[in-house]
Amino acid sequence: MADRELKLNSLGRYSKESPLYILEEHGHCEVPAGCGGVVLRWRNPQAGVPFTMWLYTGGTCELRLDGAVPPSSRPLVPFGEHVLTFTMTEVDPAFMVLMFAAGHRPDAARDLRRSAPEASEVTLVSEAEGSWRYTFTEPDGDAWMFPGFDDSGWSPMVRQEDRLPLPEGQTWDPASYKLNRLAGFGATGLGVQGRGERVWIRKVFTIPGPGEEA
C-alpha cells in the first residue's frame, strides 16, 4: 500500500505537499479559540518574509509600513525597499523616544514549524547610525512614507538609553520584558534633540530577495 493511501486510523490521504509553498504550523497561543490547537498556513517564500516587529515608544505612536498600518505584528513584507514611519506625540527629548527590532529568524521561532527550510534571516534594529531620521515639521502629504522621499534635511536620531521614570509609587515596570527582548535582538534606544508637540520619524530598509546579499 502506498504511503499516501488511506490506512486504518490514519489521515494520511489528507496530507498536502507543494514544491512552491511552505506549510507553517503555528503554536497554540496563536489560535483565537485558546490553547490546545495549532494553526496551519501555506506561505509562498518567493513573495517575501513574515516580518515580526517589536516596538517600545516613549510617547503615543502611530506606526506605518509603506504608508499603511500593518495588519498584525508579523506582516508578510515583499522583497525590496520599504519605509517604516512613526508619528509620535507626547515625546520628551530628555528620554528615549523609541526602540525597535524586526526581522525574520527561521531558526529562532520556537512555536513555529515549517515543511521546508527557509532562506537566511533578515534583521532590522534601531541604532544611532544616521539612517533613523526625524523632523518636528509636519511633512506635506504622504510621500514621506514611501521610498524615494528626500529626507536629507531631517535630523538623525541619537542614542538615548534613559527612560521616562515610573509613576510615583509604582514598582512594577510593564515595559521591562519588551525592552529586554529588544536589547537581546541588538536594538538601541533612540532619542531626538529639540522639542516639538509632534515628531515624525522614518527609516528606509531593504529586504534582499533570494540569493541577494543583505
N, C-alpha and C. Protein backbone atom coordinates (compact mmCIF):
# COMPACT_ATOMS: atom_id res chain seq x y z
N MET A 1 0.85 -1.20 0.00
CA MET A 1 0.00 0.00 0.00
C MET A 1 0.89 1.25 0.00
N ALA A 2 0.61 2.19 -0.88
CA ALA A 2 1.40 3.41 -0.96
C ALA A 2 1.25 4.22 0.32
N ASP A 3 2.28 5.02 0.64
CA ASP A 3 2.27 5.79 1.89
C ASP A 3 1.10 6.76 1.94
N ARG A 4 0.64 7.26 0.79
CA ARG A 4 -0.41 8.27 0.78
C ARG A 4 -1.81 7.67 0.70
N GLU A 5 -1.93 6.33 0.63
CA GLU A 5 -3.24 5.71 0.60
C GLU A 5 -3.84 5.71 2.01
N LEU A 6 -5.15 5.67 2.05
CA LEU A 6 -5.85 5.67 3.33
C LEU A 6 -5.53 4.41 4.12
N LYS A 7 -5.20 4.57 5.38
CA LYS A 7 -4.92 3.46 6.27
C LYS A 7 -5.85 3.55 7.47
N LEU A 8 -6.00 2.47 8.16
CA LEU A 8 -6.86 2.45 9.34
C LEU A 8 -6.34 3.44 10.37
N ASN A 9 -7.26 4.27 10.92
CA ASN A 9 -6.91 5.26 11.93
C ASN A 9 -5.83 6.23 11.44
N SER A 10 -5.91 6.60 10.18
CA SER A 10 -4.91 7.50 9.62
C SER A 10 -5.58 8.60 8.81
N LEU A 11 -4.97 9.77 8.82
CA LEU A 11 -5.43 10.88 8.00
C LEU A 11 -4.45 11.13 6.87
N GLY A 12 -3.68 10.11 6.50
CA GLY A 12 -2.64 10.26 5.50
C GLY A 12 -3.14 10.78 4.17
N ARG A 13 -4.37 10.40 3.78
CA ARG A 13 -4.85 10.83 2.47
C ARG A 13 -5.13 12.33 2.41
N TYR A 14 -5.19 12.98 3.58
CA TYR A 14 -5.44 14.42 3.60
C TYR A 14 -4.16 15.24 3.64
N SER A 15 -3.02 14.57 3.67
CA SER A 15 -1.75 15.31 3.73
C SER A 15 -1.53 16.04 2.41
N LYS A 16 -0.87 17.19 2.50
CA LYS A 16 -0.63 18.03 1.33
C LYS A 16 0.85 18.33 1.20
N GLU A 17 1.30 18.44 -0.03
CA GLU A 17 2.67 18.82 -0.31
C GLU A 17 2.67 19.83 -1.44
N SER A 18 3.68 20.70 -1.46
CA SER A 18 3.78 21.69 -2.52
C SER A 18 5.24 22.00 -2.78
N PRO A 19 5.65 22.02 -4.05
CA PRO A 19 7.03 22.39 -4.37
C PRO A 19 7.25 23.90 -4.32
N LEU A 20 6.16 24.68 -4.22
CA LEU A 20 6.26 26.13 -4.27
C LEU A 20 6.00 26.81 -2.93
N TYR A 21 5.20 26.19 -2.08
CA TYR A 21 4.78 26.83 -0.84
C TYR A 21 5.37 26.12 0.38
N ILE A 22 5.48 26.87 1.46
CA ILE A 22 5.91 26.33 2.74
C ILE A 22 4.70 26.24 3.66
N LEU A 23 4.51 25.09 4.29
CA LEU A 23 3.42 24.93 5.24
C LEU A 23 3.94 25.23 6.63
N GLU A 24 3.35 26.24 7.27
CA GLU A 24 3.76 26.64 8.62
C GLU A 24 2.78 26.09 9.64
N GLU A 25 3.31 25.58 10.73
CA GLU A 25 2.49 25.14 11.85
C GLU A 25 2.77 26.08 13.02
N HIS A 26 1.80 26.92 13.35
CA HIS A 26 1.97 27.90 14.42
C HIS A 26 1.55 27.30 15.76
N GLY A 27 2.18 27.79 16.82
CA GLY A 27 1.89 27.31 18.15
C GLY A 27 0.48 27.61 18.62
N HIS A 28 0.06 26.93 19.69
CA HIS A 28 -1.32 27.02 20.16
C HIS A 28 -1.69 28.41 20.64
N CYS A 29 -0.72 29.22 21.04
CA CYS A 29 -1.06 30.55 21.55
C CYS A 29 -1.57 31.48 20.45
N GLU A 30 -1.40 31.10 19.18
CA GLU A 30 -1.90 31.92 18.08
C GLU A 30 -3.29 31.48 17.64
N VAL A 31 -3.86 30.46 18.28
CA VAL A 31 -5.20 30.01 17.93
C VAL A 31 -6.22 30.90 18.63
N PRO A 32 -7.11 31.58 17.90
CA PRO A 32 -8.06 32.50 18.53
C PRO A 32 -8.91 31.85 19.61
N ALA A 33 -9.23 30.55 19.47
CA ALA A 33 -10.11 29.89 20.43
C ALA A 33 -9.40 29.57 21.74
N GLY A 34 -8.08 29.72 21.77
CA GLY A 34 -7.36 29.44 23.01
C GLY A 34 -6.30 28.37 22.81
N CYS A 35 -5.78 27.87 23.92
CA CYS A 35 -4.70 26.89 23.86
C CYS A 35 -5.24 25.51 23.48
N GLY A 36 -4.32 24.66 23.02
CA GLY A 36 -4.70 23.29 22.75
C GLY A 36 -4.80 22.94 21.29
N GLY A 37 -4.44 23.83 20.37
CA GLY A 37 -4.54 23.53 18.95
C GLY A 37 -3.39 24.16 18.20
N VAL A 38 -3.45 24.08 16.88
CA VAL A 38 -2.43 24.69 16.03
C VAL A 38 -3.11 25.40 14.88
N VAL A 39 -2.36 26.29 14.24
CA VAL A 39 -2.81 26.96 13.02
C VAL A 39 -1.87 26.55 11.90
N LEU A 40 -2.43 26.07 10.79
CA LEU A 40 -1.64 25.71 9.62
C LEU A 40 -1.83 26.78 8.55
N ARG A 41 -0.72 27.23 7.96
CA ARG A 41 -0.80 28.28 6.95
C ARG A 41 0.19 28.00 5.83
N TRP A 42 -0.31 28.04 4.59
CA TRP A 42 0.57 27.95 3.44
C TRP A 42 1.13 29.33 3.15
N ARG A 43 2.43 29.40 2.84
CA ARG A 43 3.06 30.68 2.52
C ARG A 43 4.03 30.50 1.36
N ASN A 44 3.98 31.46 0.43
CA ASN A 44 4.88 31.44 -0.72
C ASN A 44 6.19 32.12 -0.33
N PRO A 45 7.30 31.39 -0.22
CA PRO A 45 8.57 32.01 0.21
C PRO A 45 9.13 32.99 -0.81
N GLN A 46 8.60 32.96 -2.06
CA GLN A 46 9.06 33.91 -3.07
C GLN A 46 8.34 35.25 -2.97
N ALA A 47 7.30 35.32 -2.14
CA ALA A 47 6.50 36.54 -2.04
C ALA A 47 7.06 37.53 -1.02
N GLY A 48 7.96 37.09 -0.16
CA GLY A 48 8.50 37.96 0.87
C GLY A 48 8.75 37.18 2.15
N VAL A 49 8.90 37.91 3.25
CA VAL A 49 9.17 37.27 4.53
C VAL A 49 8.18 37.76 5.58
N PRO A 50 7.79 36.89 6.51
CA PRO A 50 6.97 37.34 7.65
C PRO A 50 7.86 38.14 8.59
N PHE A 51 7.57 39.41 8.74
CA PHE A 51 8.44 40.36 9.42
C PHE A 51 7.90 40.63 10.82
N THR A 52 8.40 39.91 11.82
CA THR A 52 7.94 40.09 13.19
C THR A 52 8.52 41.37 13.77
N MET A 53 7.66 42.22 14.36
CA MET A 53 8.08 43.53 14.84
C MET A 53 7.88 43.67 16.34
N TRP A 54 8.87 44.29 16.99
CA TRP A 54 8.81 44.64 18.41
C TRP A 54 9.08 46.14 18.52
N LEU A 55 8.29 46.84 19.35
CA LEU A 55 8.42 48.29 19.45
C LEU A 55 8.16 48.78 20.86
N TYR A 56 9.05 49.64 21.34
CA TYR A 56 8.81 50.40 22.57
C TYR A 56 8.86 51.88 22.21
N THR A 57 7.93 52.66 22.72
CA THR A 57 7.94 54.10 22.47
C THR A 57 7.75 54.86 23.77
N GLY A 58 8.35 56.05 23.81
CA GLY A 58 8.21 56.91 24.97
C GLY A 58 7.11 57.94 24.81
N GLY A 59 6.13 57.64 23.98
CA GLY A 59 5.01 58.54 23.75
C GLY A 59 3.94 57.80 22.96
N THR A 60 2.93 58.53 22.54
CA THR A 60 1.88 57.94 21.71
C THR A 60 2.38 57.84 20.28
N CYS A 61 2.21 56.68 19.66
CA CYS A 61 2.84 56.43 18.36
C CYS A 61 1.87 55.80 17.37
N GLU A 62 1.96 56.26 16.12
CA GLU A 62 1.28 55.60 15.01
C GLU A 62 2.35 55.08 14.06
N LEU A 63 2.43 53.76 13.93
CA LEU A 63 3.42 53.13 13.07
C LEU A 63 2.78 52.77 11.74
N ARG A 64 3.51 53.03 10.66
CA ARG A 64 3.05 52.63 9.33
C ARG A 64 4.20 51.99 8.57
N LEU A 65 3.85 51.05 7.72
CA LEU A 65 4.80 50.38 6.85
C LEU A 65 4.38 50.64 5.42
N ASP A 66 5.21 51.38 4.68
CA ASP A 66 4.87 51.77 3.31
C ASP A 66 3.52 52.46 3.26
N GLY A 67 3.28 53.34 4.23
CA GLY A 67 2.08 54.16 4.22
C GLY A 67 0.84 53.53 4.81
N ALA A 68 0.90 52.27 5.21
CA ALA A 68 -0.28 51.58 5.73
C ALA A 68 0.00 51.03 7.12
N VAL A 69 -1.04 50.99 7.94
CA VAL A 69 -0.92 50.38 9.26
C VAL A 69 -0.77 48.87 9.07
N PRO A 70 0.28 48.25 9.61
CA PRO A 70 0.45 46.80 9.44
C PRO A 70 -0.76 46.04 9.97
N PRO A 71 -1.20 44.99 9.26
CA PRO A 71 -2.37 44.24 9.71
C PRO A 71 -2.13 43.44 10.99
N SER A 72 -0.86 43.22 11.33
CA SER A 72 -0.51 42.48 12.54
C SER A 72 0.93 42.83 12.89
N SER A 73 1.43 42.24 13.98
CA SER A 73 2.83 42.46 14.35
C SER A 73 3.76 41.53 13.57
N ARG A 74 3.20 40.74 12.65
CA ARG A 74 4.00 39.83 11.82
C ARG A 74 3.50 39.87 10.37
N PRO A 75 3.56 41.04 9.72
CA PRO A 75 3.07 41.13 8.35
C PRO A 75 4.01 40.45 7.37
N LEU A 76 3.47 40.02 6.24
CA LEU A 76 4.29 39.47 5.17
C LEU A 76 4.79 40.64 4.32
N VAL A 77 6.10 40.85 4.30
CA VAL A 77 6.69 42.01 3.62
C VAL A 77 7.43 41.53 2.37
N PRO A 78 7.09 42.07 1.19
CA PRO A 78 7.75 41.65 -0.05
C PRO A 78 9.23 42.02 -0.05
N PHE A 79 9.99 41.36 -0.90
CA PHE A 79 11.40 41.70 -1.07
C PHE A 79 11.50 43.08 -1.73
N GLY A 80 12.55 43.81 -1.38
CA GLY A 80 12.76 45.13 -1.96
C GLY A 80 12.86 46.21 -0.90
N GLU A 81 12.74 47.47 -1.34
CA GLU A 81 12.91 48.62 -0.46
C GLU A 81 11.58 49.00 0.19
N HIS A 82 11.65 49.37 1.47
CA HIS A 82 10.46 49.73 2.24
C HIS A 82 10.78 50.89 3.17
N VAL A 83 9.71 51.46 3.74
CA VAL A 83 9.87 52.56 4.69
C VAL A 83 8.98 52.34 5.90
N LEU A 84 9.59 52.41 7.07
CA LEU A 84 8.85 52.44 8.33
C LEU A 84 8.71 53.89 8.74
N THR A 85 7.51 54.29 9.17
CA THR A 85 7.31 55.65 9.66
C THR A 85 6.62 55.62 11.01
N PHE A 86 6.95 56.61 11.82
CA PHE A 86 6.39 56.73 13.16
C PHE A 86 5.96 58.18 13.36
N THR A 87 4.70 58.39 13.65
CA THR A 87 4.21 59.72 14.01
C THR A 87 3.95 59.71 15.51
N MET A 88 4.69 60.55 16.25
CA MET A 88 4.65 60.46 17.70
C MET A 88 4.26 61.78 18.35
N THR A 89 3.53 61.66 19.44
CA THR A 89 3.16 62.81 20.26
C THR A 89 3.57 62.52 21.71
N GLU A 90 3.53 63.56 22.53
CA GLU A 90 3.86 63.44 23.96
C GLU A 90 5.29 62.92 24.15
N VAL A 91 6.19 63.42 23.33
CA VAL A 91 7.59 63.00 23.39
C VAL A 91 8.38 63.95 24.28
N ASP A 92 9.19 63.38 25.16
CA ASP A 92 10.09 64.17 26.00
C ASP A 92 11.52 63.93 25.51
N PRO A 93 12.18 64.93 24.91
CA PRO A 93 13.52 64.73 24.36
C PRO A 93 14.57 64.34 25.39
N ALA A 94 14.26 64.47 26.67
CA ALA A 94 15.23 64.09 27.70
C ALA A 94 15.29 62.58 27.89
N PHE A 95 14.36 61.85 27.24
CA PHE A 95 14.29 60.41 27.44
C PHE A 95 14.19 59.68 26.11
N MET A 96 14.29 58.35 26.18
CA MET A 96 14.21 57.51 25.00
C MET A 96 12.88 57.72 24.28
N VAL A 97 12.95 57.87 22.96
CA VAL A 97 11.75 58.05 22.14
C VAL A 97 11.25 56.71 21.62
N LEU A 98 12.17 55.89 21.10
CA LEU A 98 11.74 54.58 20.61
C LEU A 98 12.89 53.59 20.63
N MET A 99 12.50 52.32 20.60
CA MET A 99 13.43 51.20 20.47
C MET A 99 12.69 50.17 19.62
N PHE A 100 13.34 49.68 18.58
CA PHE A 100 12.63 48.87 17.59
C PHE A 100 13.49 47.70 17.13
N ALA A 101 12.84 46.58 16.90
CA ALA A 101 13.50 45.43 16.29
C ALA A 101 12.49 44.69 15.44
N ALA A 102 12.94 44.18 14.32
CA ALA A 102 12.06 43.40 13.45
C ALA A 102 12.92 42.46 12.62
N GLY A 103 12.27 41.47 12.08
CA GLY A 103 13.03 40.58 11.21
C GLY A 103 12.39 39.23 11.06
N HIS A 104 13.13 38.39 10.38
CA HIS A 104 12.70 37.02 10.10
C HIS A 104 13.86 36.12 10.47
N ARG A 105 13.69 35.37 11.56
CA ARG A 105 14.76 34.49 12.03
C ARG A 105 14.20 33.06 12.08
N PRO A 106 14.33 32.32 10.98
CA PRO A 106 13.71 31.00 10.89
C PRO A 106 14.12 30.03 11.99
N ASP A 107 15.36 30.11 12.44
CA ASP A 107 15.84 29.13 13.42
C ASP A 107 15.50 29.51 14.86
N ALA A 108 14.93 30.72 15.05
CA ALA A 108 14.68 31.19 16.42
C ALA A 108 13.23 31.05 16.85
N ALA A 109 12.34 30.70 15.94
CA ALA A 109 10.91 30.62 16.27
C ALA A 109 10.61 29.27 16.92
N ARG A 110 10.46 29.27 18.23
CA ARG A 110 10.25 28.02 18.95
C ARG A 110 8.83 27.49 18.80
N ASP A 111 7.86 28.37 18.51
CA ASP A 111 6.47 27.94 18.41
C ASP A 111 6.02 27.78 16.97
N LEU A 112 6.99 27.63 16.05
CA LEU A 112 6.65 27.56 14.63
C LEU A 112 7.48 26.48 13.96
N ARG A 113 6.80 25.59 13.21
CA ARG A 113 7.49 24.57 12.44
C ARG A 113 7.13 24.74 10.97
N ARG A 114 8.08 24.41 10.09
CA ARG A 114 7.87 24.58 8.65
C ARG A 114 8.12 23.27 7.92
N SER A 115 7.49 23.15 6.75
CA SER A 115 7.62 21.93 5.97
C SER A 115 8.86 21.92 5.10
N ALA A 116 9.57 23.05 5.01
CA ALA A 116 10.77 23.13 4.18
C ALA A 116 11.72 24.17 4.78
N PRO A 117 13.02 24.06 4.50
CA PRO A 117 13.98 25.04 5.03
C PRO A 117 13.69 26.44 4.50
N GLU A 118 14.08 27.44 5.30
CA GLU A 118 13.89 28.84 4.94
C GLU A 118 15.20 29.45 4.48
N ALA A 119 15.08 30.62 3.83
CA ALA A 119 16.26 31.37 3.44
C ALA A 119 16.91 31.98 4.68
N SER A 120 18.05 32.63 4.50
CA SER A 120 18.77 33.22 5.62
C SER A 120 17.93 34.29 6.31
N GLU A 121 18.28 34.60 7.55
CA GLU A 121 17.48 35.52 8.34
C GLU A 121 17.66 36.97 7.89
N VAL A 122 16.67 37.79 8.22
CA VAL A 122 16.68 39.22 7.94
C VAL A 122 16.41 39.94 9.25
N THR A 123 17.23 40.94 9.59
CA THR A 123 17.08 41.63 10.86
C THR A 123 17.17 43.14 10.65
N LEU A 124 16.31 43.88 11.34
CA LEU A 124 16.34 45.34 11.35
C LEU A 124 16.20 45.80 12.79
N VAL A 125 17.14 46.62 13.26
CA VAL A 125 17.08 47.12 14.63
C VAL A 125 17.35 48.62 14.65
N SER A 126 16.81 49.28 15.66
CA SER A 126 17.09 50.71 15.83
C SER A 126 18.53 50.88 16.30
N GLU A 127 19.24 51.80 15.67
CA GLU A 127 20.61 52.10 16.05
C GLU A 127 20.96 53.51 15.58
N ALA A 128 21.87 54.14 16.31
CA ALA A 128 22.22 55.53 16.03
C ALA A 128 23.33 55.60 14.99
N GLU A 129 22.98 55.20 13.74
CA GLU A 129 23.98 55.20 12.67
C GLU A 129 23.60 56.14 11.54
N GLY A 130 22.59 57.00 11.78
CA GLY A 130 22.27 58.05 10.82
C GLY A 130 21.09 57.79 9.91
N SER A 131 20.62 56.54 9.81
CA SER A 131 19.54 56.24 8.87
C SER A 131 18.15 56.36 9.50
N TRP A 132 18.09 56.43 10.82
CA TRP A 132 16.81 56.71 11.50
C TRP A 132 16.72 58.23 11.63
N ARG A 133 15.77 58.84 10.90
CA ARG A 133 15.76 60.29 10.79
C ARG A 133 14.41 60.85 11.24
N TYR A 134 14.44 62.09 11.73
CA TYR A 134 13.23 62.70 12.28
C TYR A 134 13.15 64.18 11.95
N THR A 135 11.94 64.71 12.11
CA THR A 135 11.70 66.14 11.94
C THR A 135 10.56 66.56 12.86
N PHE A 136 10.59 67.81 13.29
CA PHE A 136 9.49 68.37 14.08
C PHE A 136 8.51 69.14 13.19
N THR A 137 8.81 69.22 11.90
CA THR A 137 7.95 69.92 10.95
C THR A 137 7.09 68.91 10.20
N GLU A 138 5.79 69.07 10.24
CA GLU A 138 4.89 68.09 9.62
C GLU A 138 5.14 68.02 8.11
N PRO A 139 5.40 66.83 7.58
CA PRO A 139 5.63 66.68 6.14
C PRO A 139 4.36 66.96 5.34
N ASP A 140 4.54 67.43 4.12
CA ASP A 140 3.41 67.65 3.22
C ASP A 140 2.99 66.31 2.60
N GLY A 141 1.70 66.02 2.65
CA GLY A 141 1.20 64.81 2.02
C GLY A 141 1.74 63.55 2.69
N ASP A 142 1.76 62.46 1.91
CA ASP A 142 2.22 61.19 2.45
C ASP A 142 3.44 60.63 1.73
N ALA A 143 4.09 61.45 0.90
CA ALA A 143 5.26 60.98 0.16
C ALA A 143 6.38 60.54 1.10
N TRP A 144 6.44 61.13 2.29
CA TRP A 144 7.50 60.79 3.24
C TRP A 144 7.38 59.36 3.75
N MET A 145 6.24 58.72 3.52
CA MET A 145 6.02 57.36 3.99
C MET A 145 6.50 56.30 3.00
N PHE A 146 7.06 56.74 1.87
CA PHE A 146 7.41 55.80 0.80
C PHE A 146 8.86 56.00 0.37
N PRO A 147 9.44 54.98 -0.30
CA PRO A 147 10.80 55.13 -0.83
C PRO A 147 10.88 56.29 -1.82
N GLY A 148 12.06 56.86 -1.92
CA GLY A 148 12.29 57.94 -2.88
C GLY A 148 12.14 59.33 -2.29
N PHE A 149 11.63 59.43 -1.07
CA PHE A 149 11.48 60.74 -0.44
C PHE A 149 12.84 61.26 0.03
N ASP A 150 13.08 62.54 -0.18
CA ASP A 150 14.35 63.16 0.21
C ASP A 150 14.27 63.61 1.67
N ASP A 151 14.90 62.86 2.57
CA ASP A 151 14.91 63.24 3.98
C ASP A 151 16.27 63.77 4.41
N SER A 152 17.05 64.26 3.45
CA SER A 152 18.39 64.76 3.77
C SER A 152 18.34 65.97 4.70
N GLY A 153 17.20 66.68 4.72
CA GLY A 153 17.06 67.82 5.61
C GLY A 153 16.58 67.45 7.00
N TRP A 154 16.29 66.17 7.22
CA TRP A 154 15.86 65.70 8.53
C TRP A 154 17.09 65.41 9.40
N SER A 155 16.89 65.34 10.70
CA SER A 155 17.99 65.11 11.63
C SER A 155 18.10 63.62 11.96
N PRO A 156 19.33 63.13 12.16
CA PRO A 156 19.49 61.73 12.57
C PRO A 156 19.16 61.56 14.05
N MET A 157 18.49 60.48 14.39
CA MET A 157 18.21 60.20 15.79
C MET A 157 19.50 59.87 16.52
N VAL A 158 19.52 60.12 17.83
CA VAL A 158 20.72 59.91 18.63
C VAL A 158 20.47 58.82 19.66
N ARG A 159 21.55 58.23 20.12
CA ARG A 159 21.44 57.18 21.14
C ARG A 159 20.91 57.78 22.43
N GLN A 160 19.90 57.14 23.00
CA GLN A 160 19.31 57.60 24.26
C GLN A 160 18.77 56.39 25.01
N GLU A 161 19.41 56.06 26.11
CA GLU A 161 19.02 54.88 26.89
C GLU A 161 18.16 55.22 28.10
N ASP A 162 18.12 56.50 28.49
CA ASP A 162 17.33 56.89 29.66
C ASP A 162 15.84 56.84 29.34
N ARG A 163 15.06 56.29 30.25
CA ARG A 163 13.63 56.15 30.05
C ARG A 163 12.85 57.08 30.97
N LEU A 164 11.62 57.33 30.57
CA LEU A 164 10.72 58.07 31.45
C LEU A 164 10.60 57.34 32.78
N PRO A 165 10.65 58.06 33.90
CA PRO A 165 10.52 57.38 35.20
C PRO A 165 9.12 56.82 35.39
N LEU A 166 9.02 55.77 36.20
CA LEU A 166 7.72 55.20 36.52
C LEU A 166 6.91 56.18 37.36
N PRO A 167 5.59 56.11 37.28
CA PRO A 167 4.75 56.97 38.13
C PRO A 167 5.09 56.76 39.61
N GLU A 168 4.94 57.79 40.38
CA GLU A 168 5.27 57.72 41.80
C GLU A 168 4.48 56.61 42.49
N GLY A 169 5.19 55.78 43.23
CA GLY A 169 4.56 54.68 43.95
C GLY A 169 4.48 53.38 43.17
N GLN A 170 4.79 53.41 41.87
CA GLN A 170 4.72 52.19 41.05
C GLN A 170 6.08 51.52 41.03
N THR A 171 6.12 50.24 41.38
CA THR A 171 7.38 49.50 41.39
C THR A 171 7.49 48.51 40.24
N TRP A 172 6.35 48.03 39.74
CA TRP A 172 6.37 47.08 38.63
C TRP A 172 6.54 47.83 37.32
N ASP A 173 7.47 47.38 36.50
CA ASP A 173 7.76 48.03 35.22
C ASP A 173 7.16 47.19 34.09
N PRO A 174 6.03 47.59 33.52
CA PRO A 174 5.37 46.78 32.49
C PRO A 174 6.16 46.69 31.18
N ALA A 175 7.10 47.61 30.97
CA ALA A 175 7.85 47.62 29.71
C ALA A 175 9.16 46.84 29.79
N SER A 176 9.53 46.34 30.97
CA SER A 176 10.84 45.73 31.13
C SER A 176 11.02 44.49 30.26
N TYR A 177 9.97 43.66 30.14
CA TYR A 177 10.09 42.45 29.32
C TYR A 177 10.36 42.82 27.86
N LYS A 178 9.57 43.77 27.35
CA LYS A 178 9.74 44.17 25.95
C LYS A 178 11.11 44.78 25.71
N LEU A 179 11.58 45.61 26.63
CA LEU A 179 12.89 46.24 26.47
C LEU A 179 14.01 45.21 26.51
N ASN A 180 13.87 44.22 27.37
CA ASN A 180 14.89 43.16 27.42
C ASN A 180 14.92 42.36 26.12
N ARG A 181 13.74 42.09 25.56
CA ARG A 181 13.69 41.39 24.28
C ARG A 181 14.34 42.22 23.18
N LEU A 182 14.03 43.51 23.15
CA LEU A 182 14.62 44.39 22.14
C LEU A 182 16.13 44.45 22.27
N ALA A 183 16.62 44.56 23.50
CA ALA A 183 18.07 44.59 23.71
C ALA A 183 18.70 43.27 23.27
N GLY A 184 18.00 42.17 23.50
CA GLY A 184 18.50 40.87 23.08
C GLY A 184 18.62 40.75 21.56
N PHE A 185 17.78 41.46 20.84
CA PHE A 185 17.86 41.47 19.38
C PHE A 185 18.98 42.39 18.88
N GLY A 186 19.53 43.22 19.78
CA GLY A 186 20.59 44.14 19.39
C GLY A 186 20.12 45.55 19.14
N ALA A 187 18.87 45.87 19.51
CA ALA A 187 18.34 47.21 19.29
C ALA A 187 18.92 48.21 20.29
N THR A 188 19.00 49.46 19.85
CA THR A 188 19.49 50.55 20.68
C THR A 188 18.37 51.56 20.89
N GLY A 189 18.26 52.10 22.10
CA GLY A 189 17.29 53.16 22.34
C GLY A 189 17.69 54.43 21.62
N LEU A 190 16.70 55.09 20.99
CA LEU A 190 16.98 56.31 20.22
C LEU A 190 16.18 57.48 20.76
N GLY A 191 16.75 58.67 20.61
CA GLY A 191 16.08 59.88 21.05
C GLY A 191 16.21 60.99 20.03
N VAL A 192 15.66 62.15 20.37
CA VAL A 192 15.70 63.31 19.49
C VAL A 192 16.29 64.48 20.25
N GLN A 193 16.72 65.48 19.51
CA GLN A 193 17.26 66.70 20.10
C GLN A 193 16.38 67.87 19.68
N GLY A 194 15.92 68.62 20.65
CA GLY A 194 14.99 69.70 20.36
C GLY A 194 13.64 69.37 20.96
N ARG A 195 12.67 70.19 20.68
CA ARG A 195 11.35 69.97 21.27
C ARG A 195 10.26 70.40 20.30
N GLY A 196 9.20 69.63 20.26
CA GLY A 196 8.03 69.95 19.45
C GLY A 196 6.85 69.14 19.95
N GLU A 197 5.65 69.57 19.60
CA GLU A 197 4.47 68.84 20.05
C GLU A 197 4.38 67.46 19.42
N ARG A 198 4.91 67.35 18.20
CA ARG A 198 4.89 66.07 17.50
C ARG A 198 6.23 65.87 16.81
N VAL A 199 6.56 64.60 16.55
CA VAL A 199 7.78 64.28 15.82
C VAL A 199 7.46 63.21 14.79
N TRP A 200 8.04 63.37 13.60
CA TRP A 200 7.85 62.42 12.51
C TRP A 200 9.18 61.71 12.26
N ILE A 201 9.15 60.39 12.23
CA ILE A 201 10.36 59.57 12.12
C ILE A 201 10.21 58.62 10.94
N ARG A 202 11.30 58.42 10.20
CA ARG A 202 11.25 57.46 9.10
C ARG A 202 12.55 56.66 9.04
N LYS A 203 12.41 55.43 8.57
CA LYS A 203 13.56 54.53 8.40
C LYS A 203 13.37 53.75 7.11
N VAL A 204 14.32 53.88 6.20
CA VAL A 204 14.31 53.14 4.94
C VAL A 204 15.11 51.85 5.13
N PHE A 205 14.57 50.74 4.65
CA PHE A 205 15.29 49.47 4.76
C PHE A 205 14.97 48.61 3.54
N THR A 206 15.79 47.61 3.32
CA THR A 206 15.62 46.72 2.18
C THR A 206 15.64 45.27 2.63
N ILE A 207 14.70 44.50 2.13
CA ILE A 207 14.70 43.05 2.36
C ILE A 207 15.24 42.40 1.09
N PRO A 208 16.43 41.81 1.17
CA PRO A 208 17.02 41.21 -0.03
C PRO A 208 16.25 39.98 -0.48
N GLY A 209 16.15 39.82 -1.78
CA GLY A 209 15.48 38.65 -2.33
C GLY A 209 16.35 37.42 -2.23
N PRO A 210 15.80 36.26 -2.55
CA PRO A 210 16.57 35.01 -2.50
C PRO A 210 17.84 35.11 -3.34
N GLY A 211 18.97 34.81 -2.73
CA GLY A 211 20.24 34.85 -3.44
C GLY A 211 20.92 36.20 -3.43
N GLU A 212 20.24 37.25 -2.92
CA GLU A 212 20.83 38.58 -2.86
C GLU A 212 21.54 38.77 -1.52
N GLU A 213 22.52 39.66 -1.52
CA GLU A 213 23.25 39.97 -0.30
C GLU A 213 22.45 40.95 0.53
N ALA A 214 22.46 40.77 1.87
CA ALA A 214 21.75 41.69 2.77
C ALA A 214 22.46 43.03 2.83
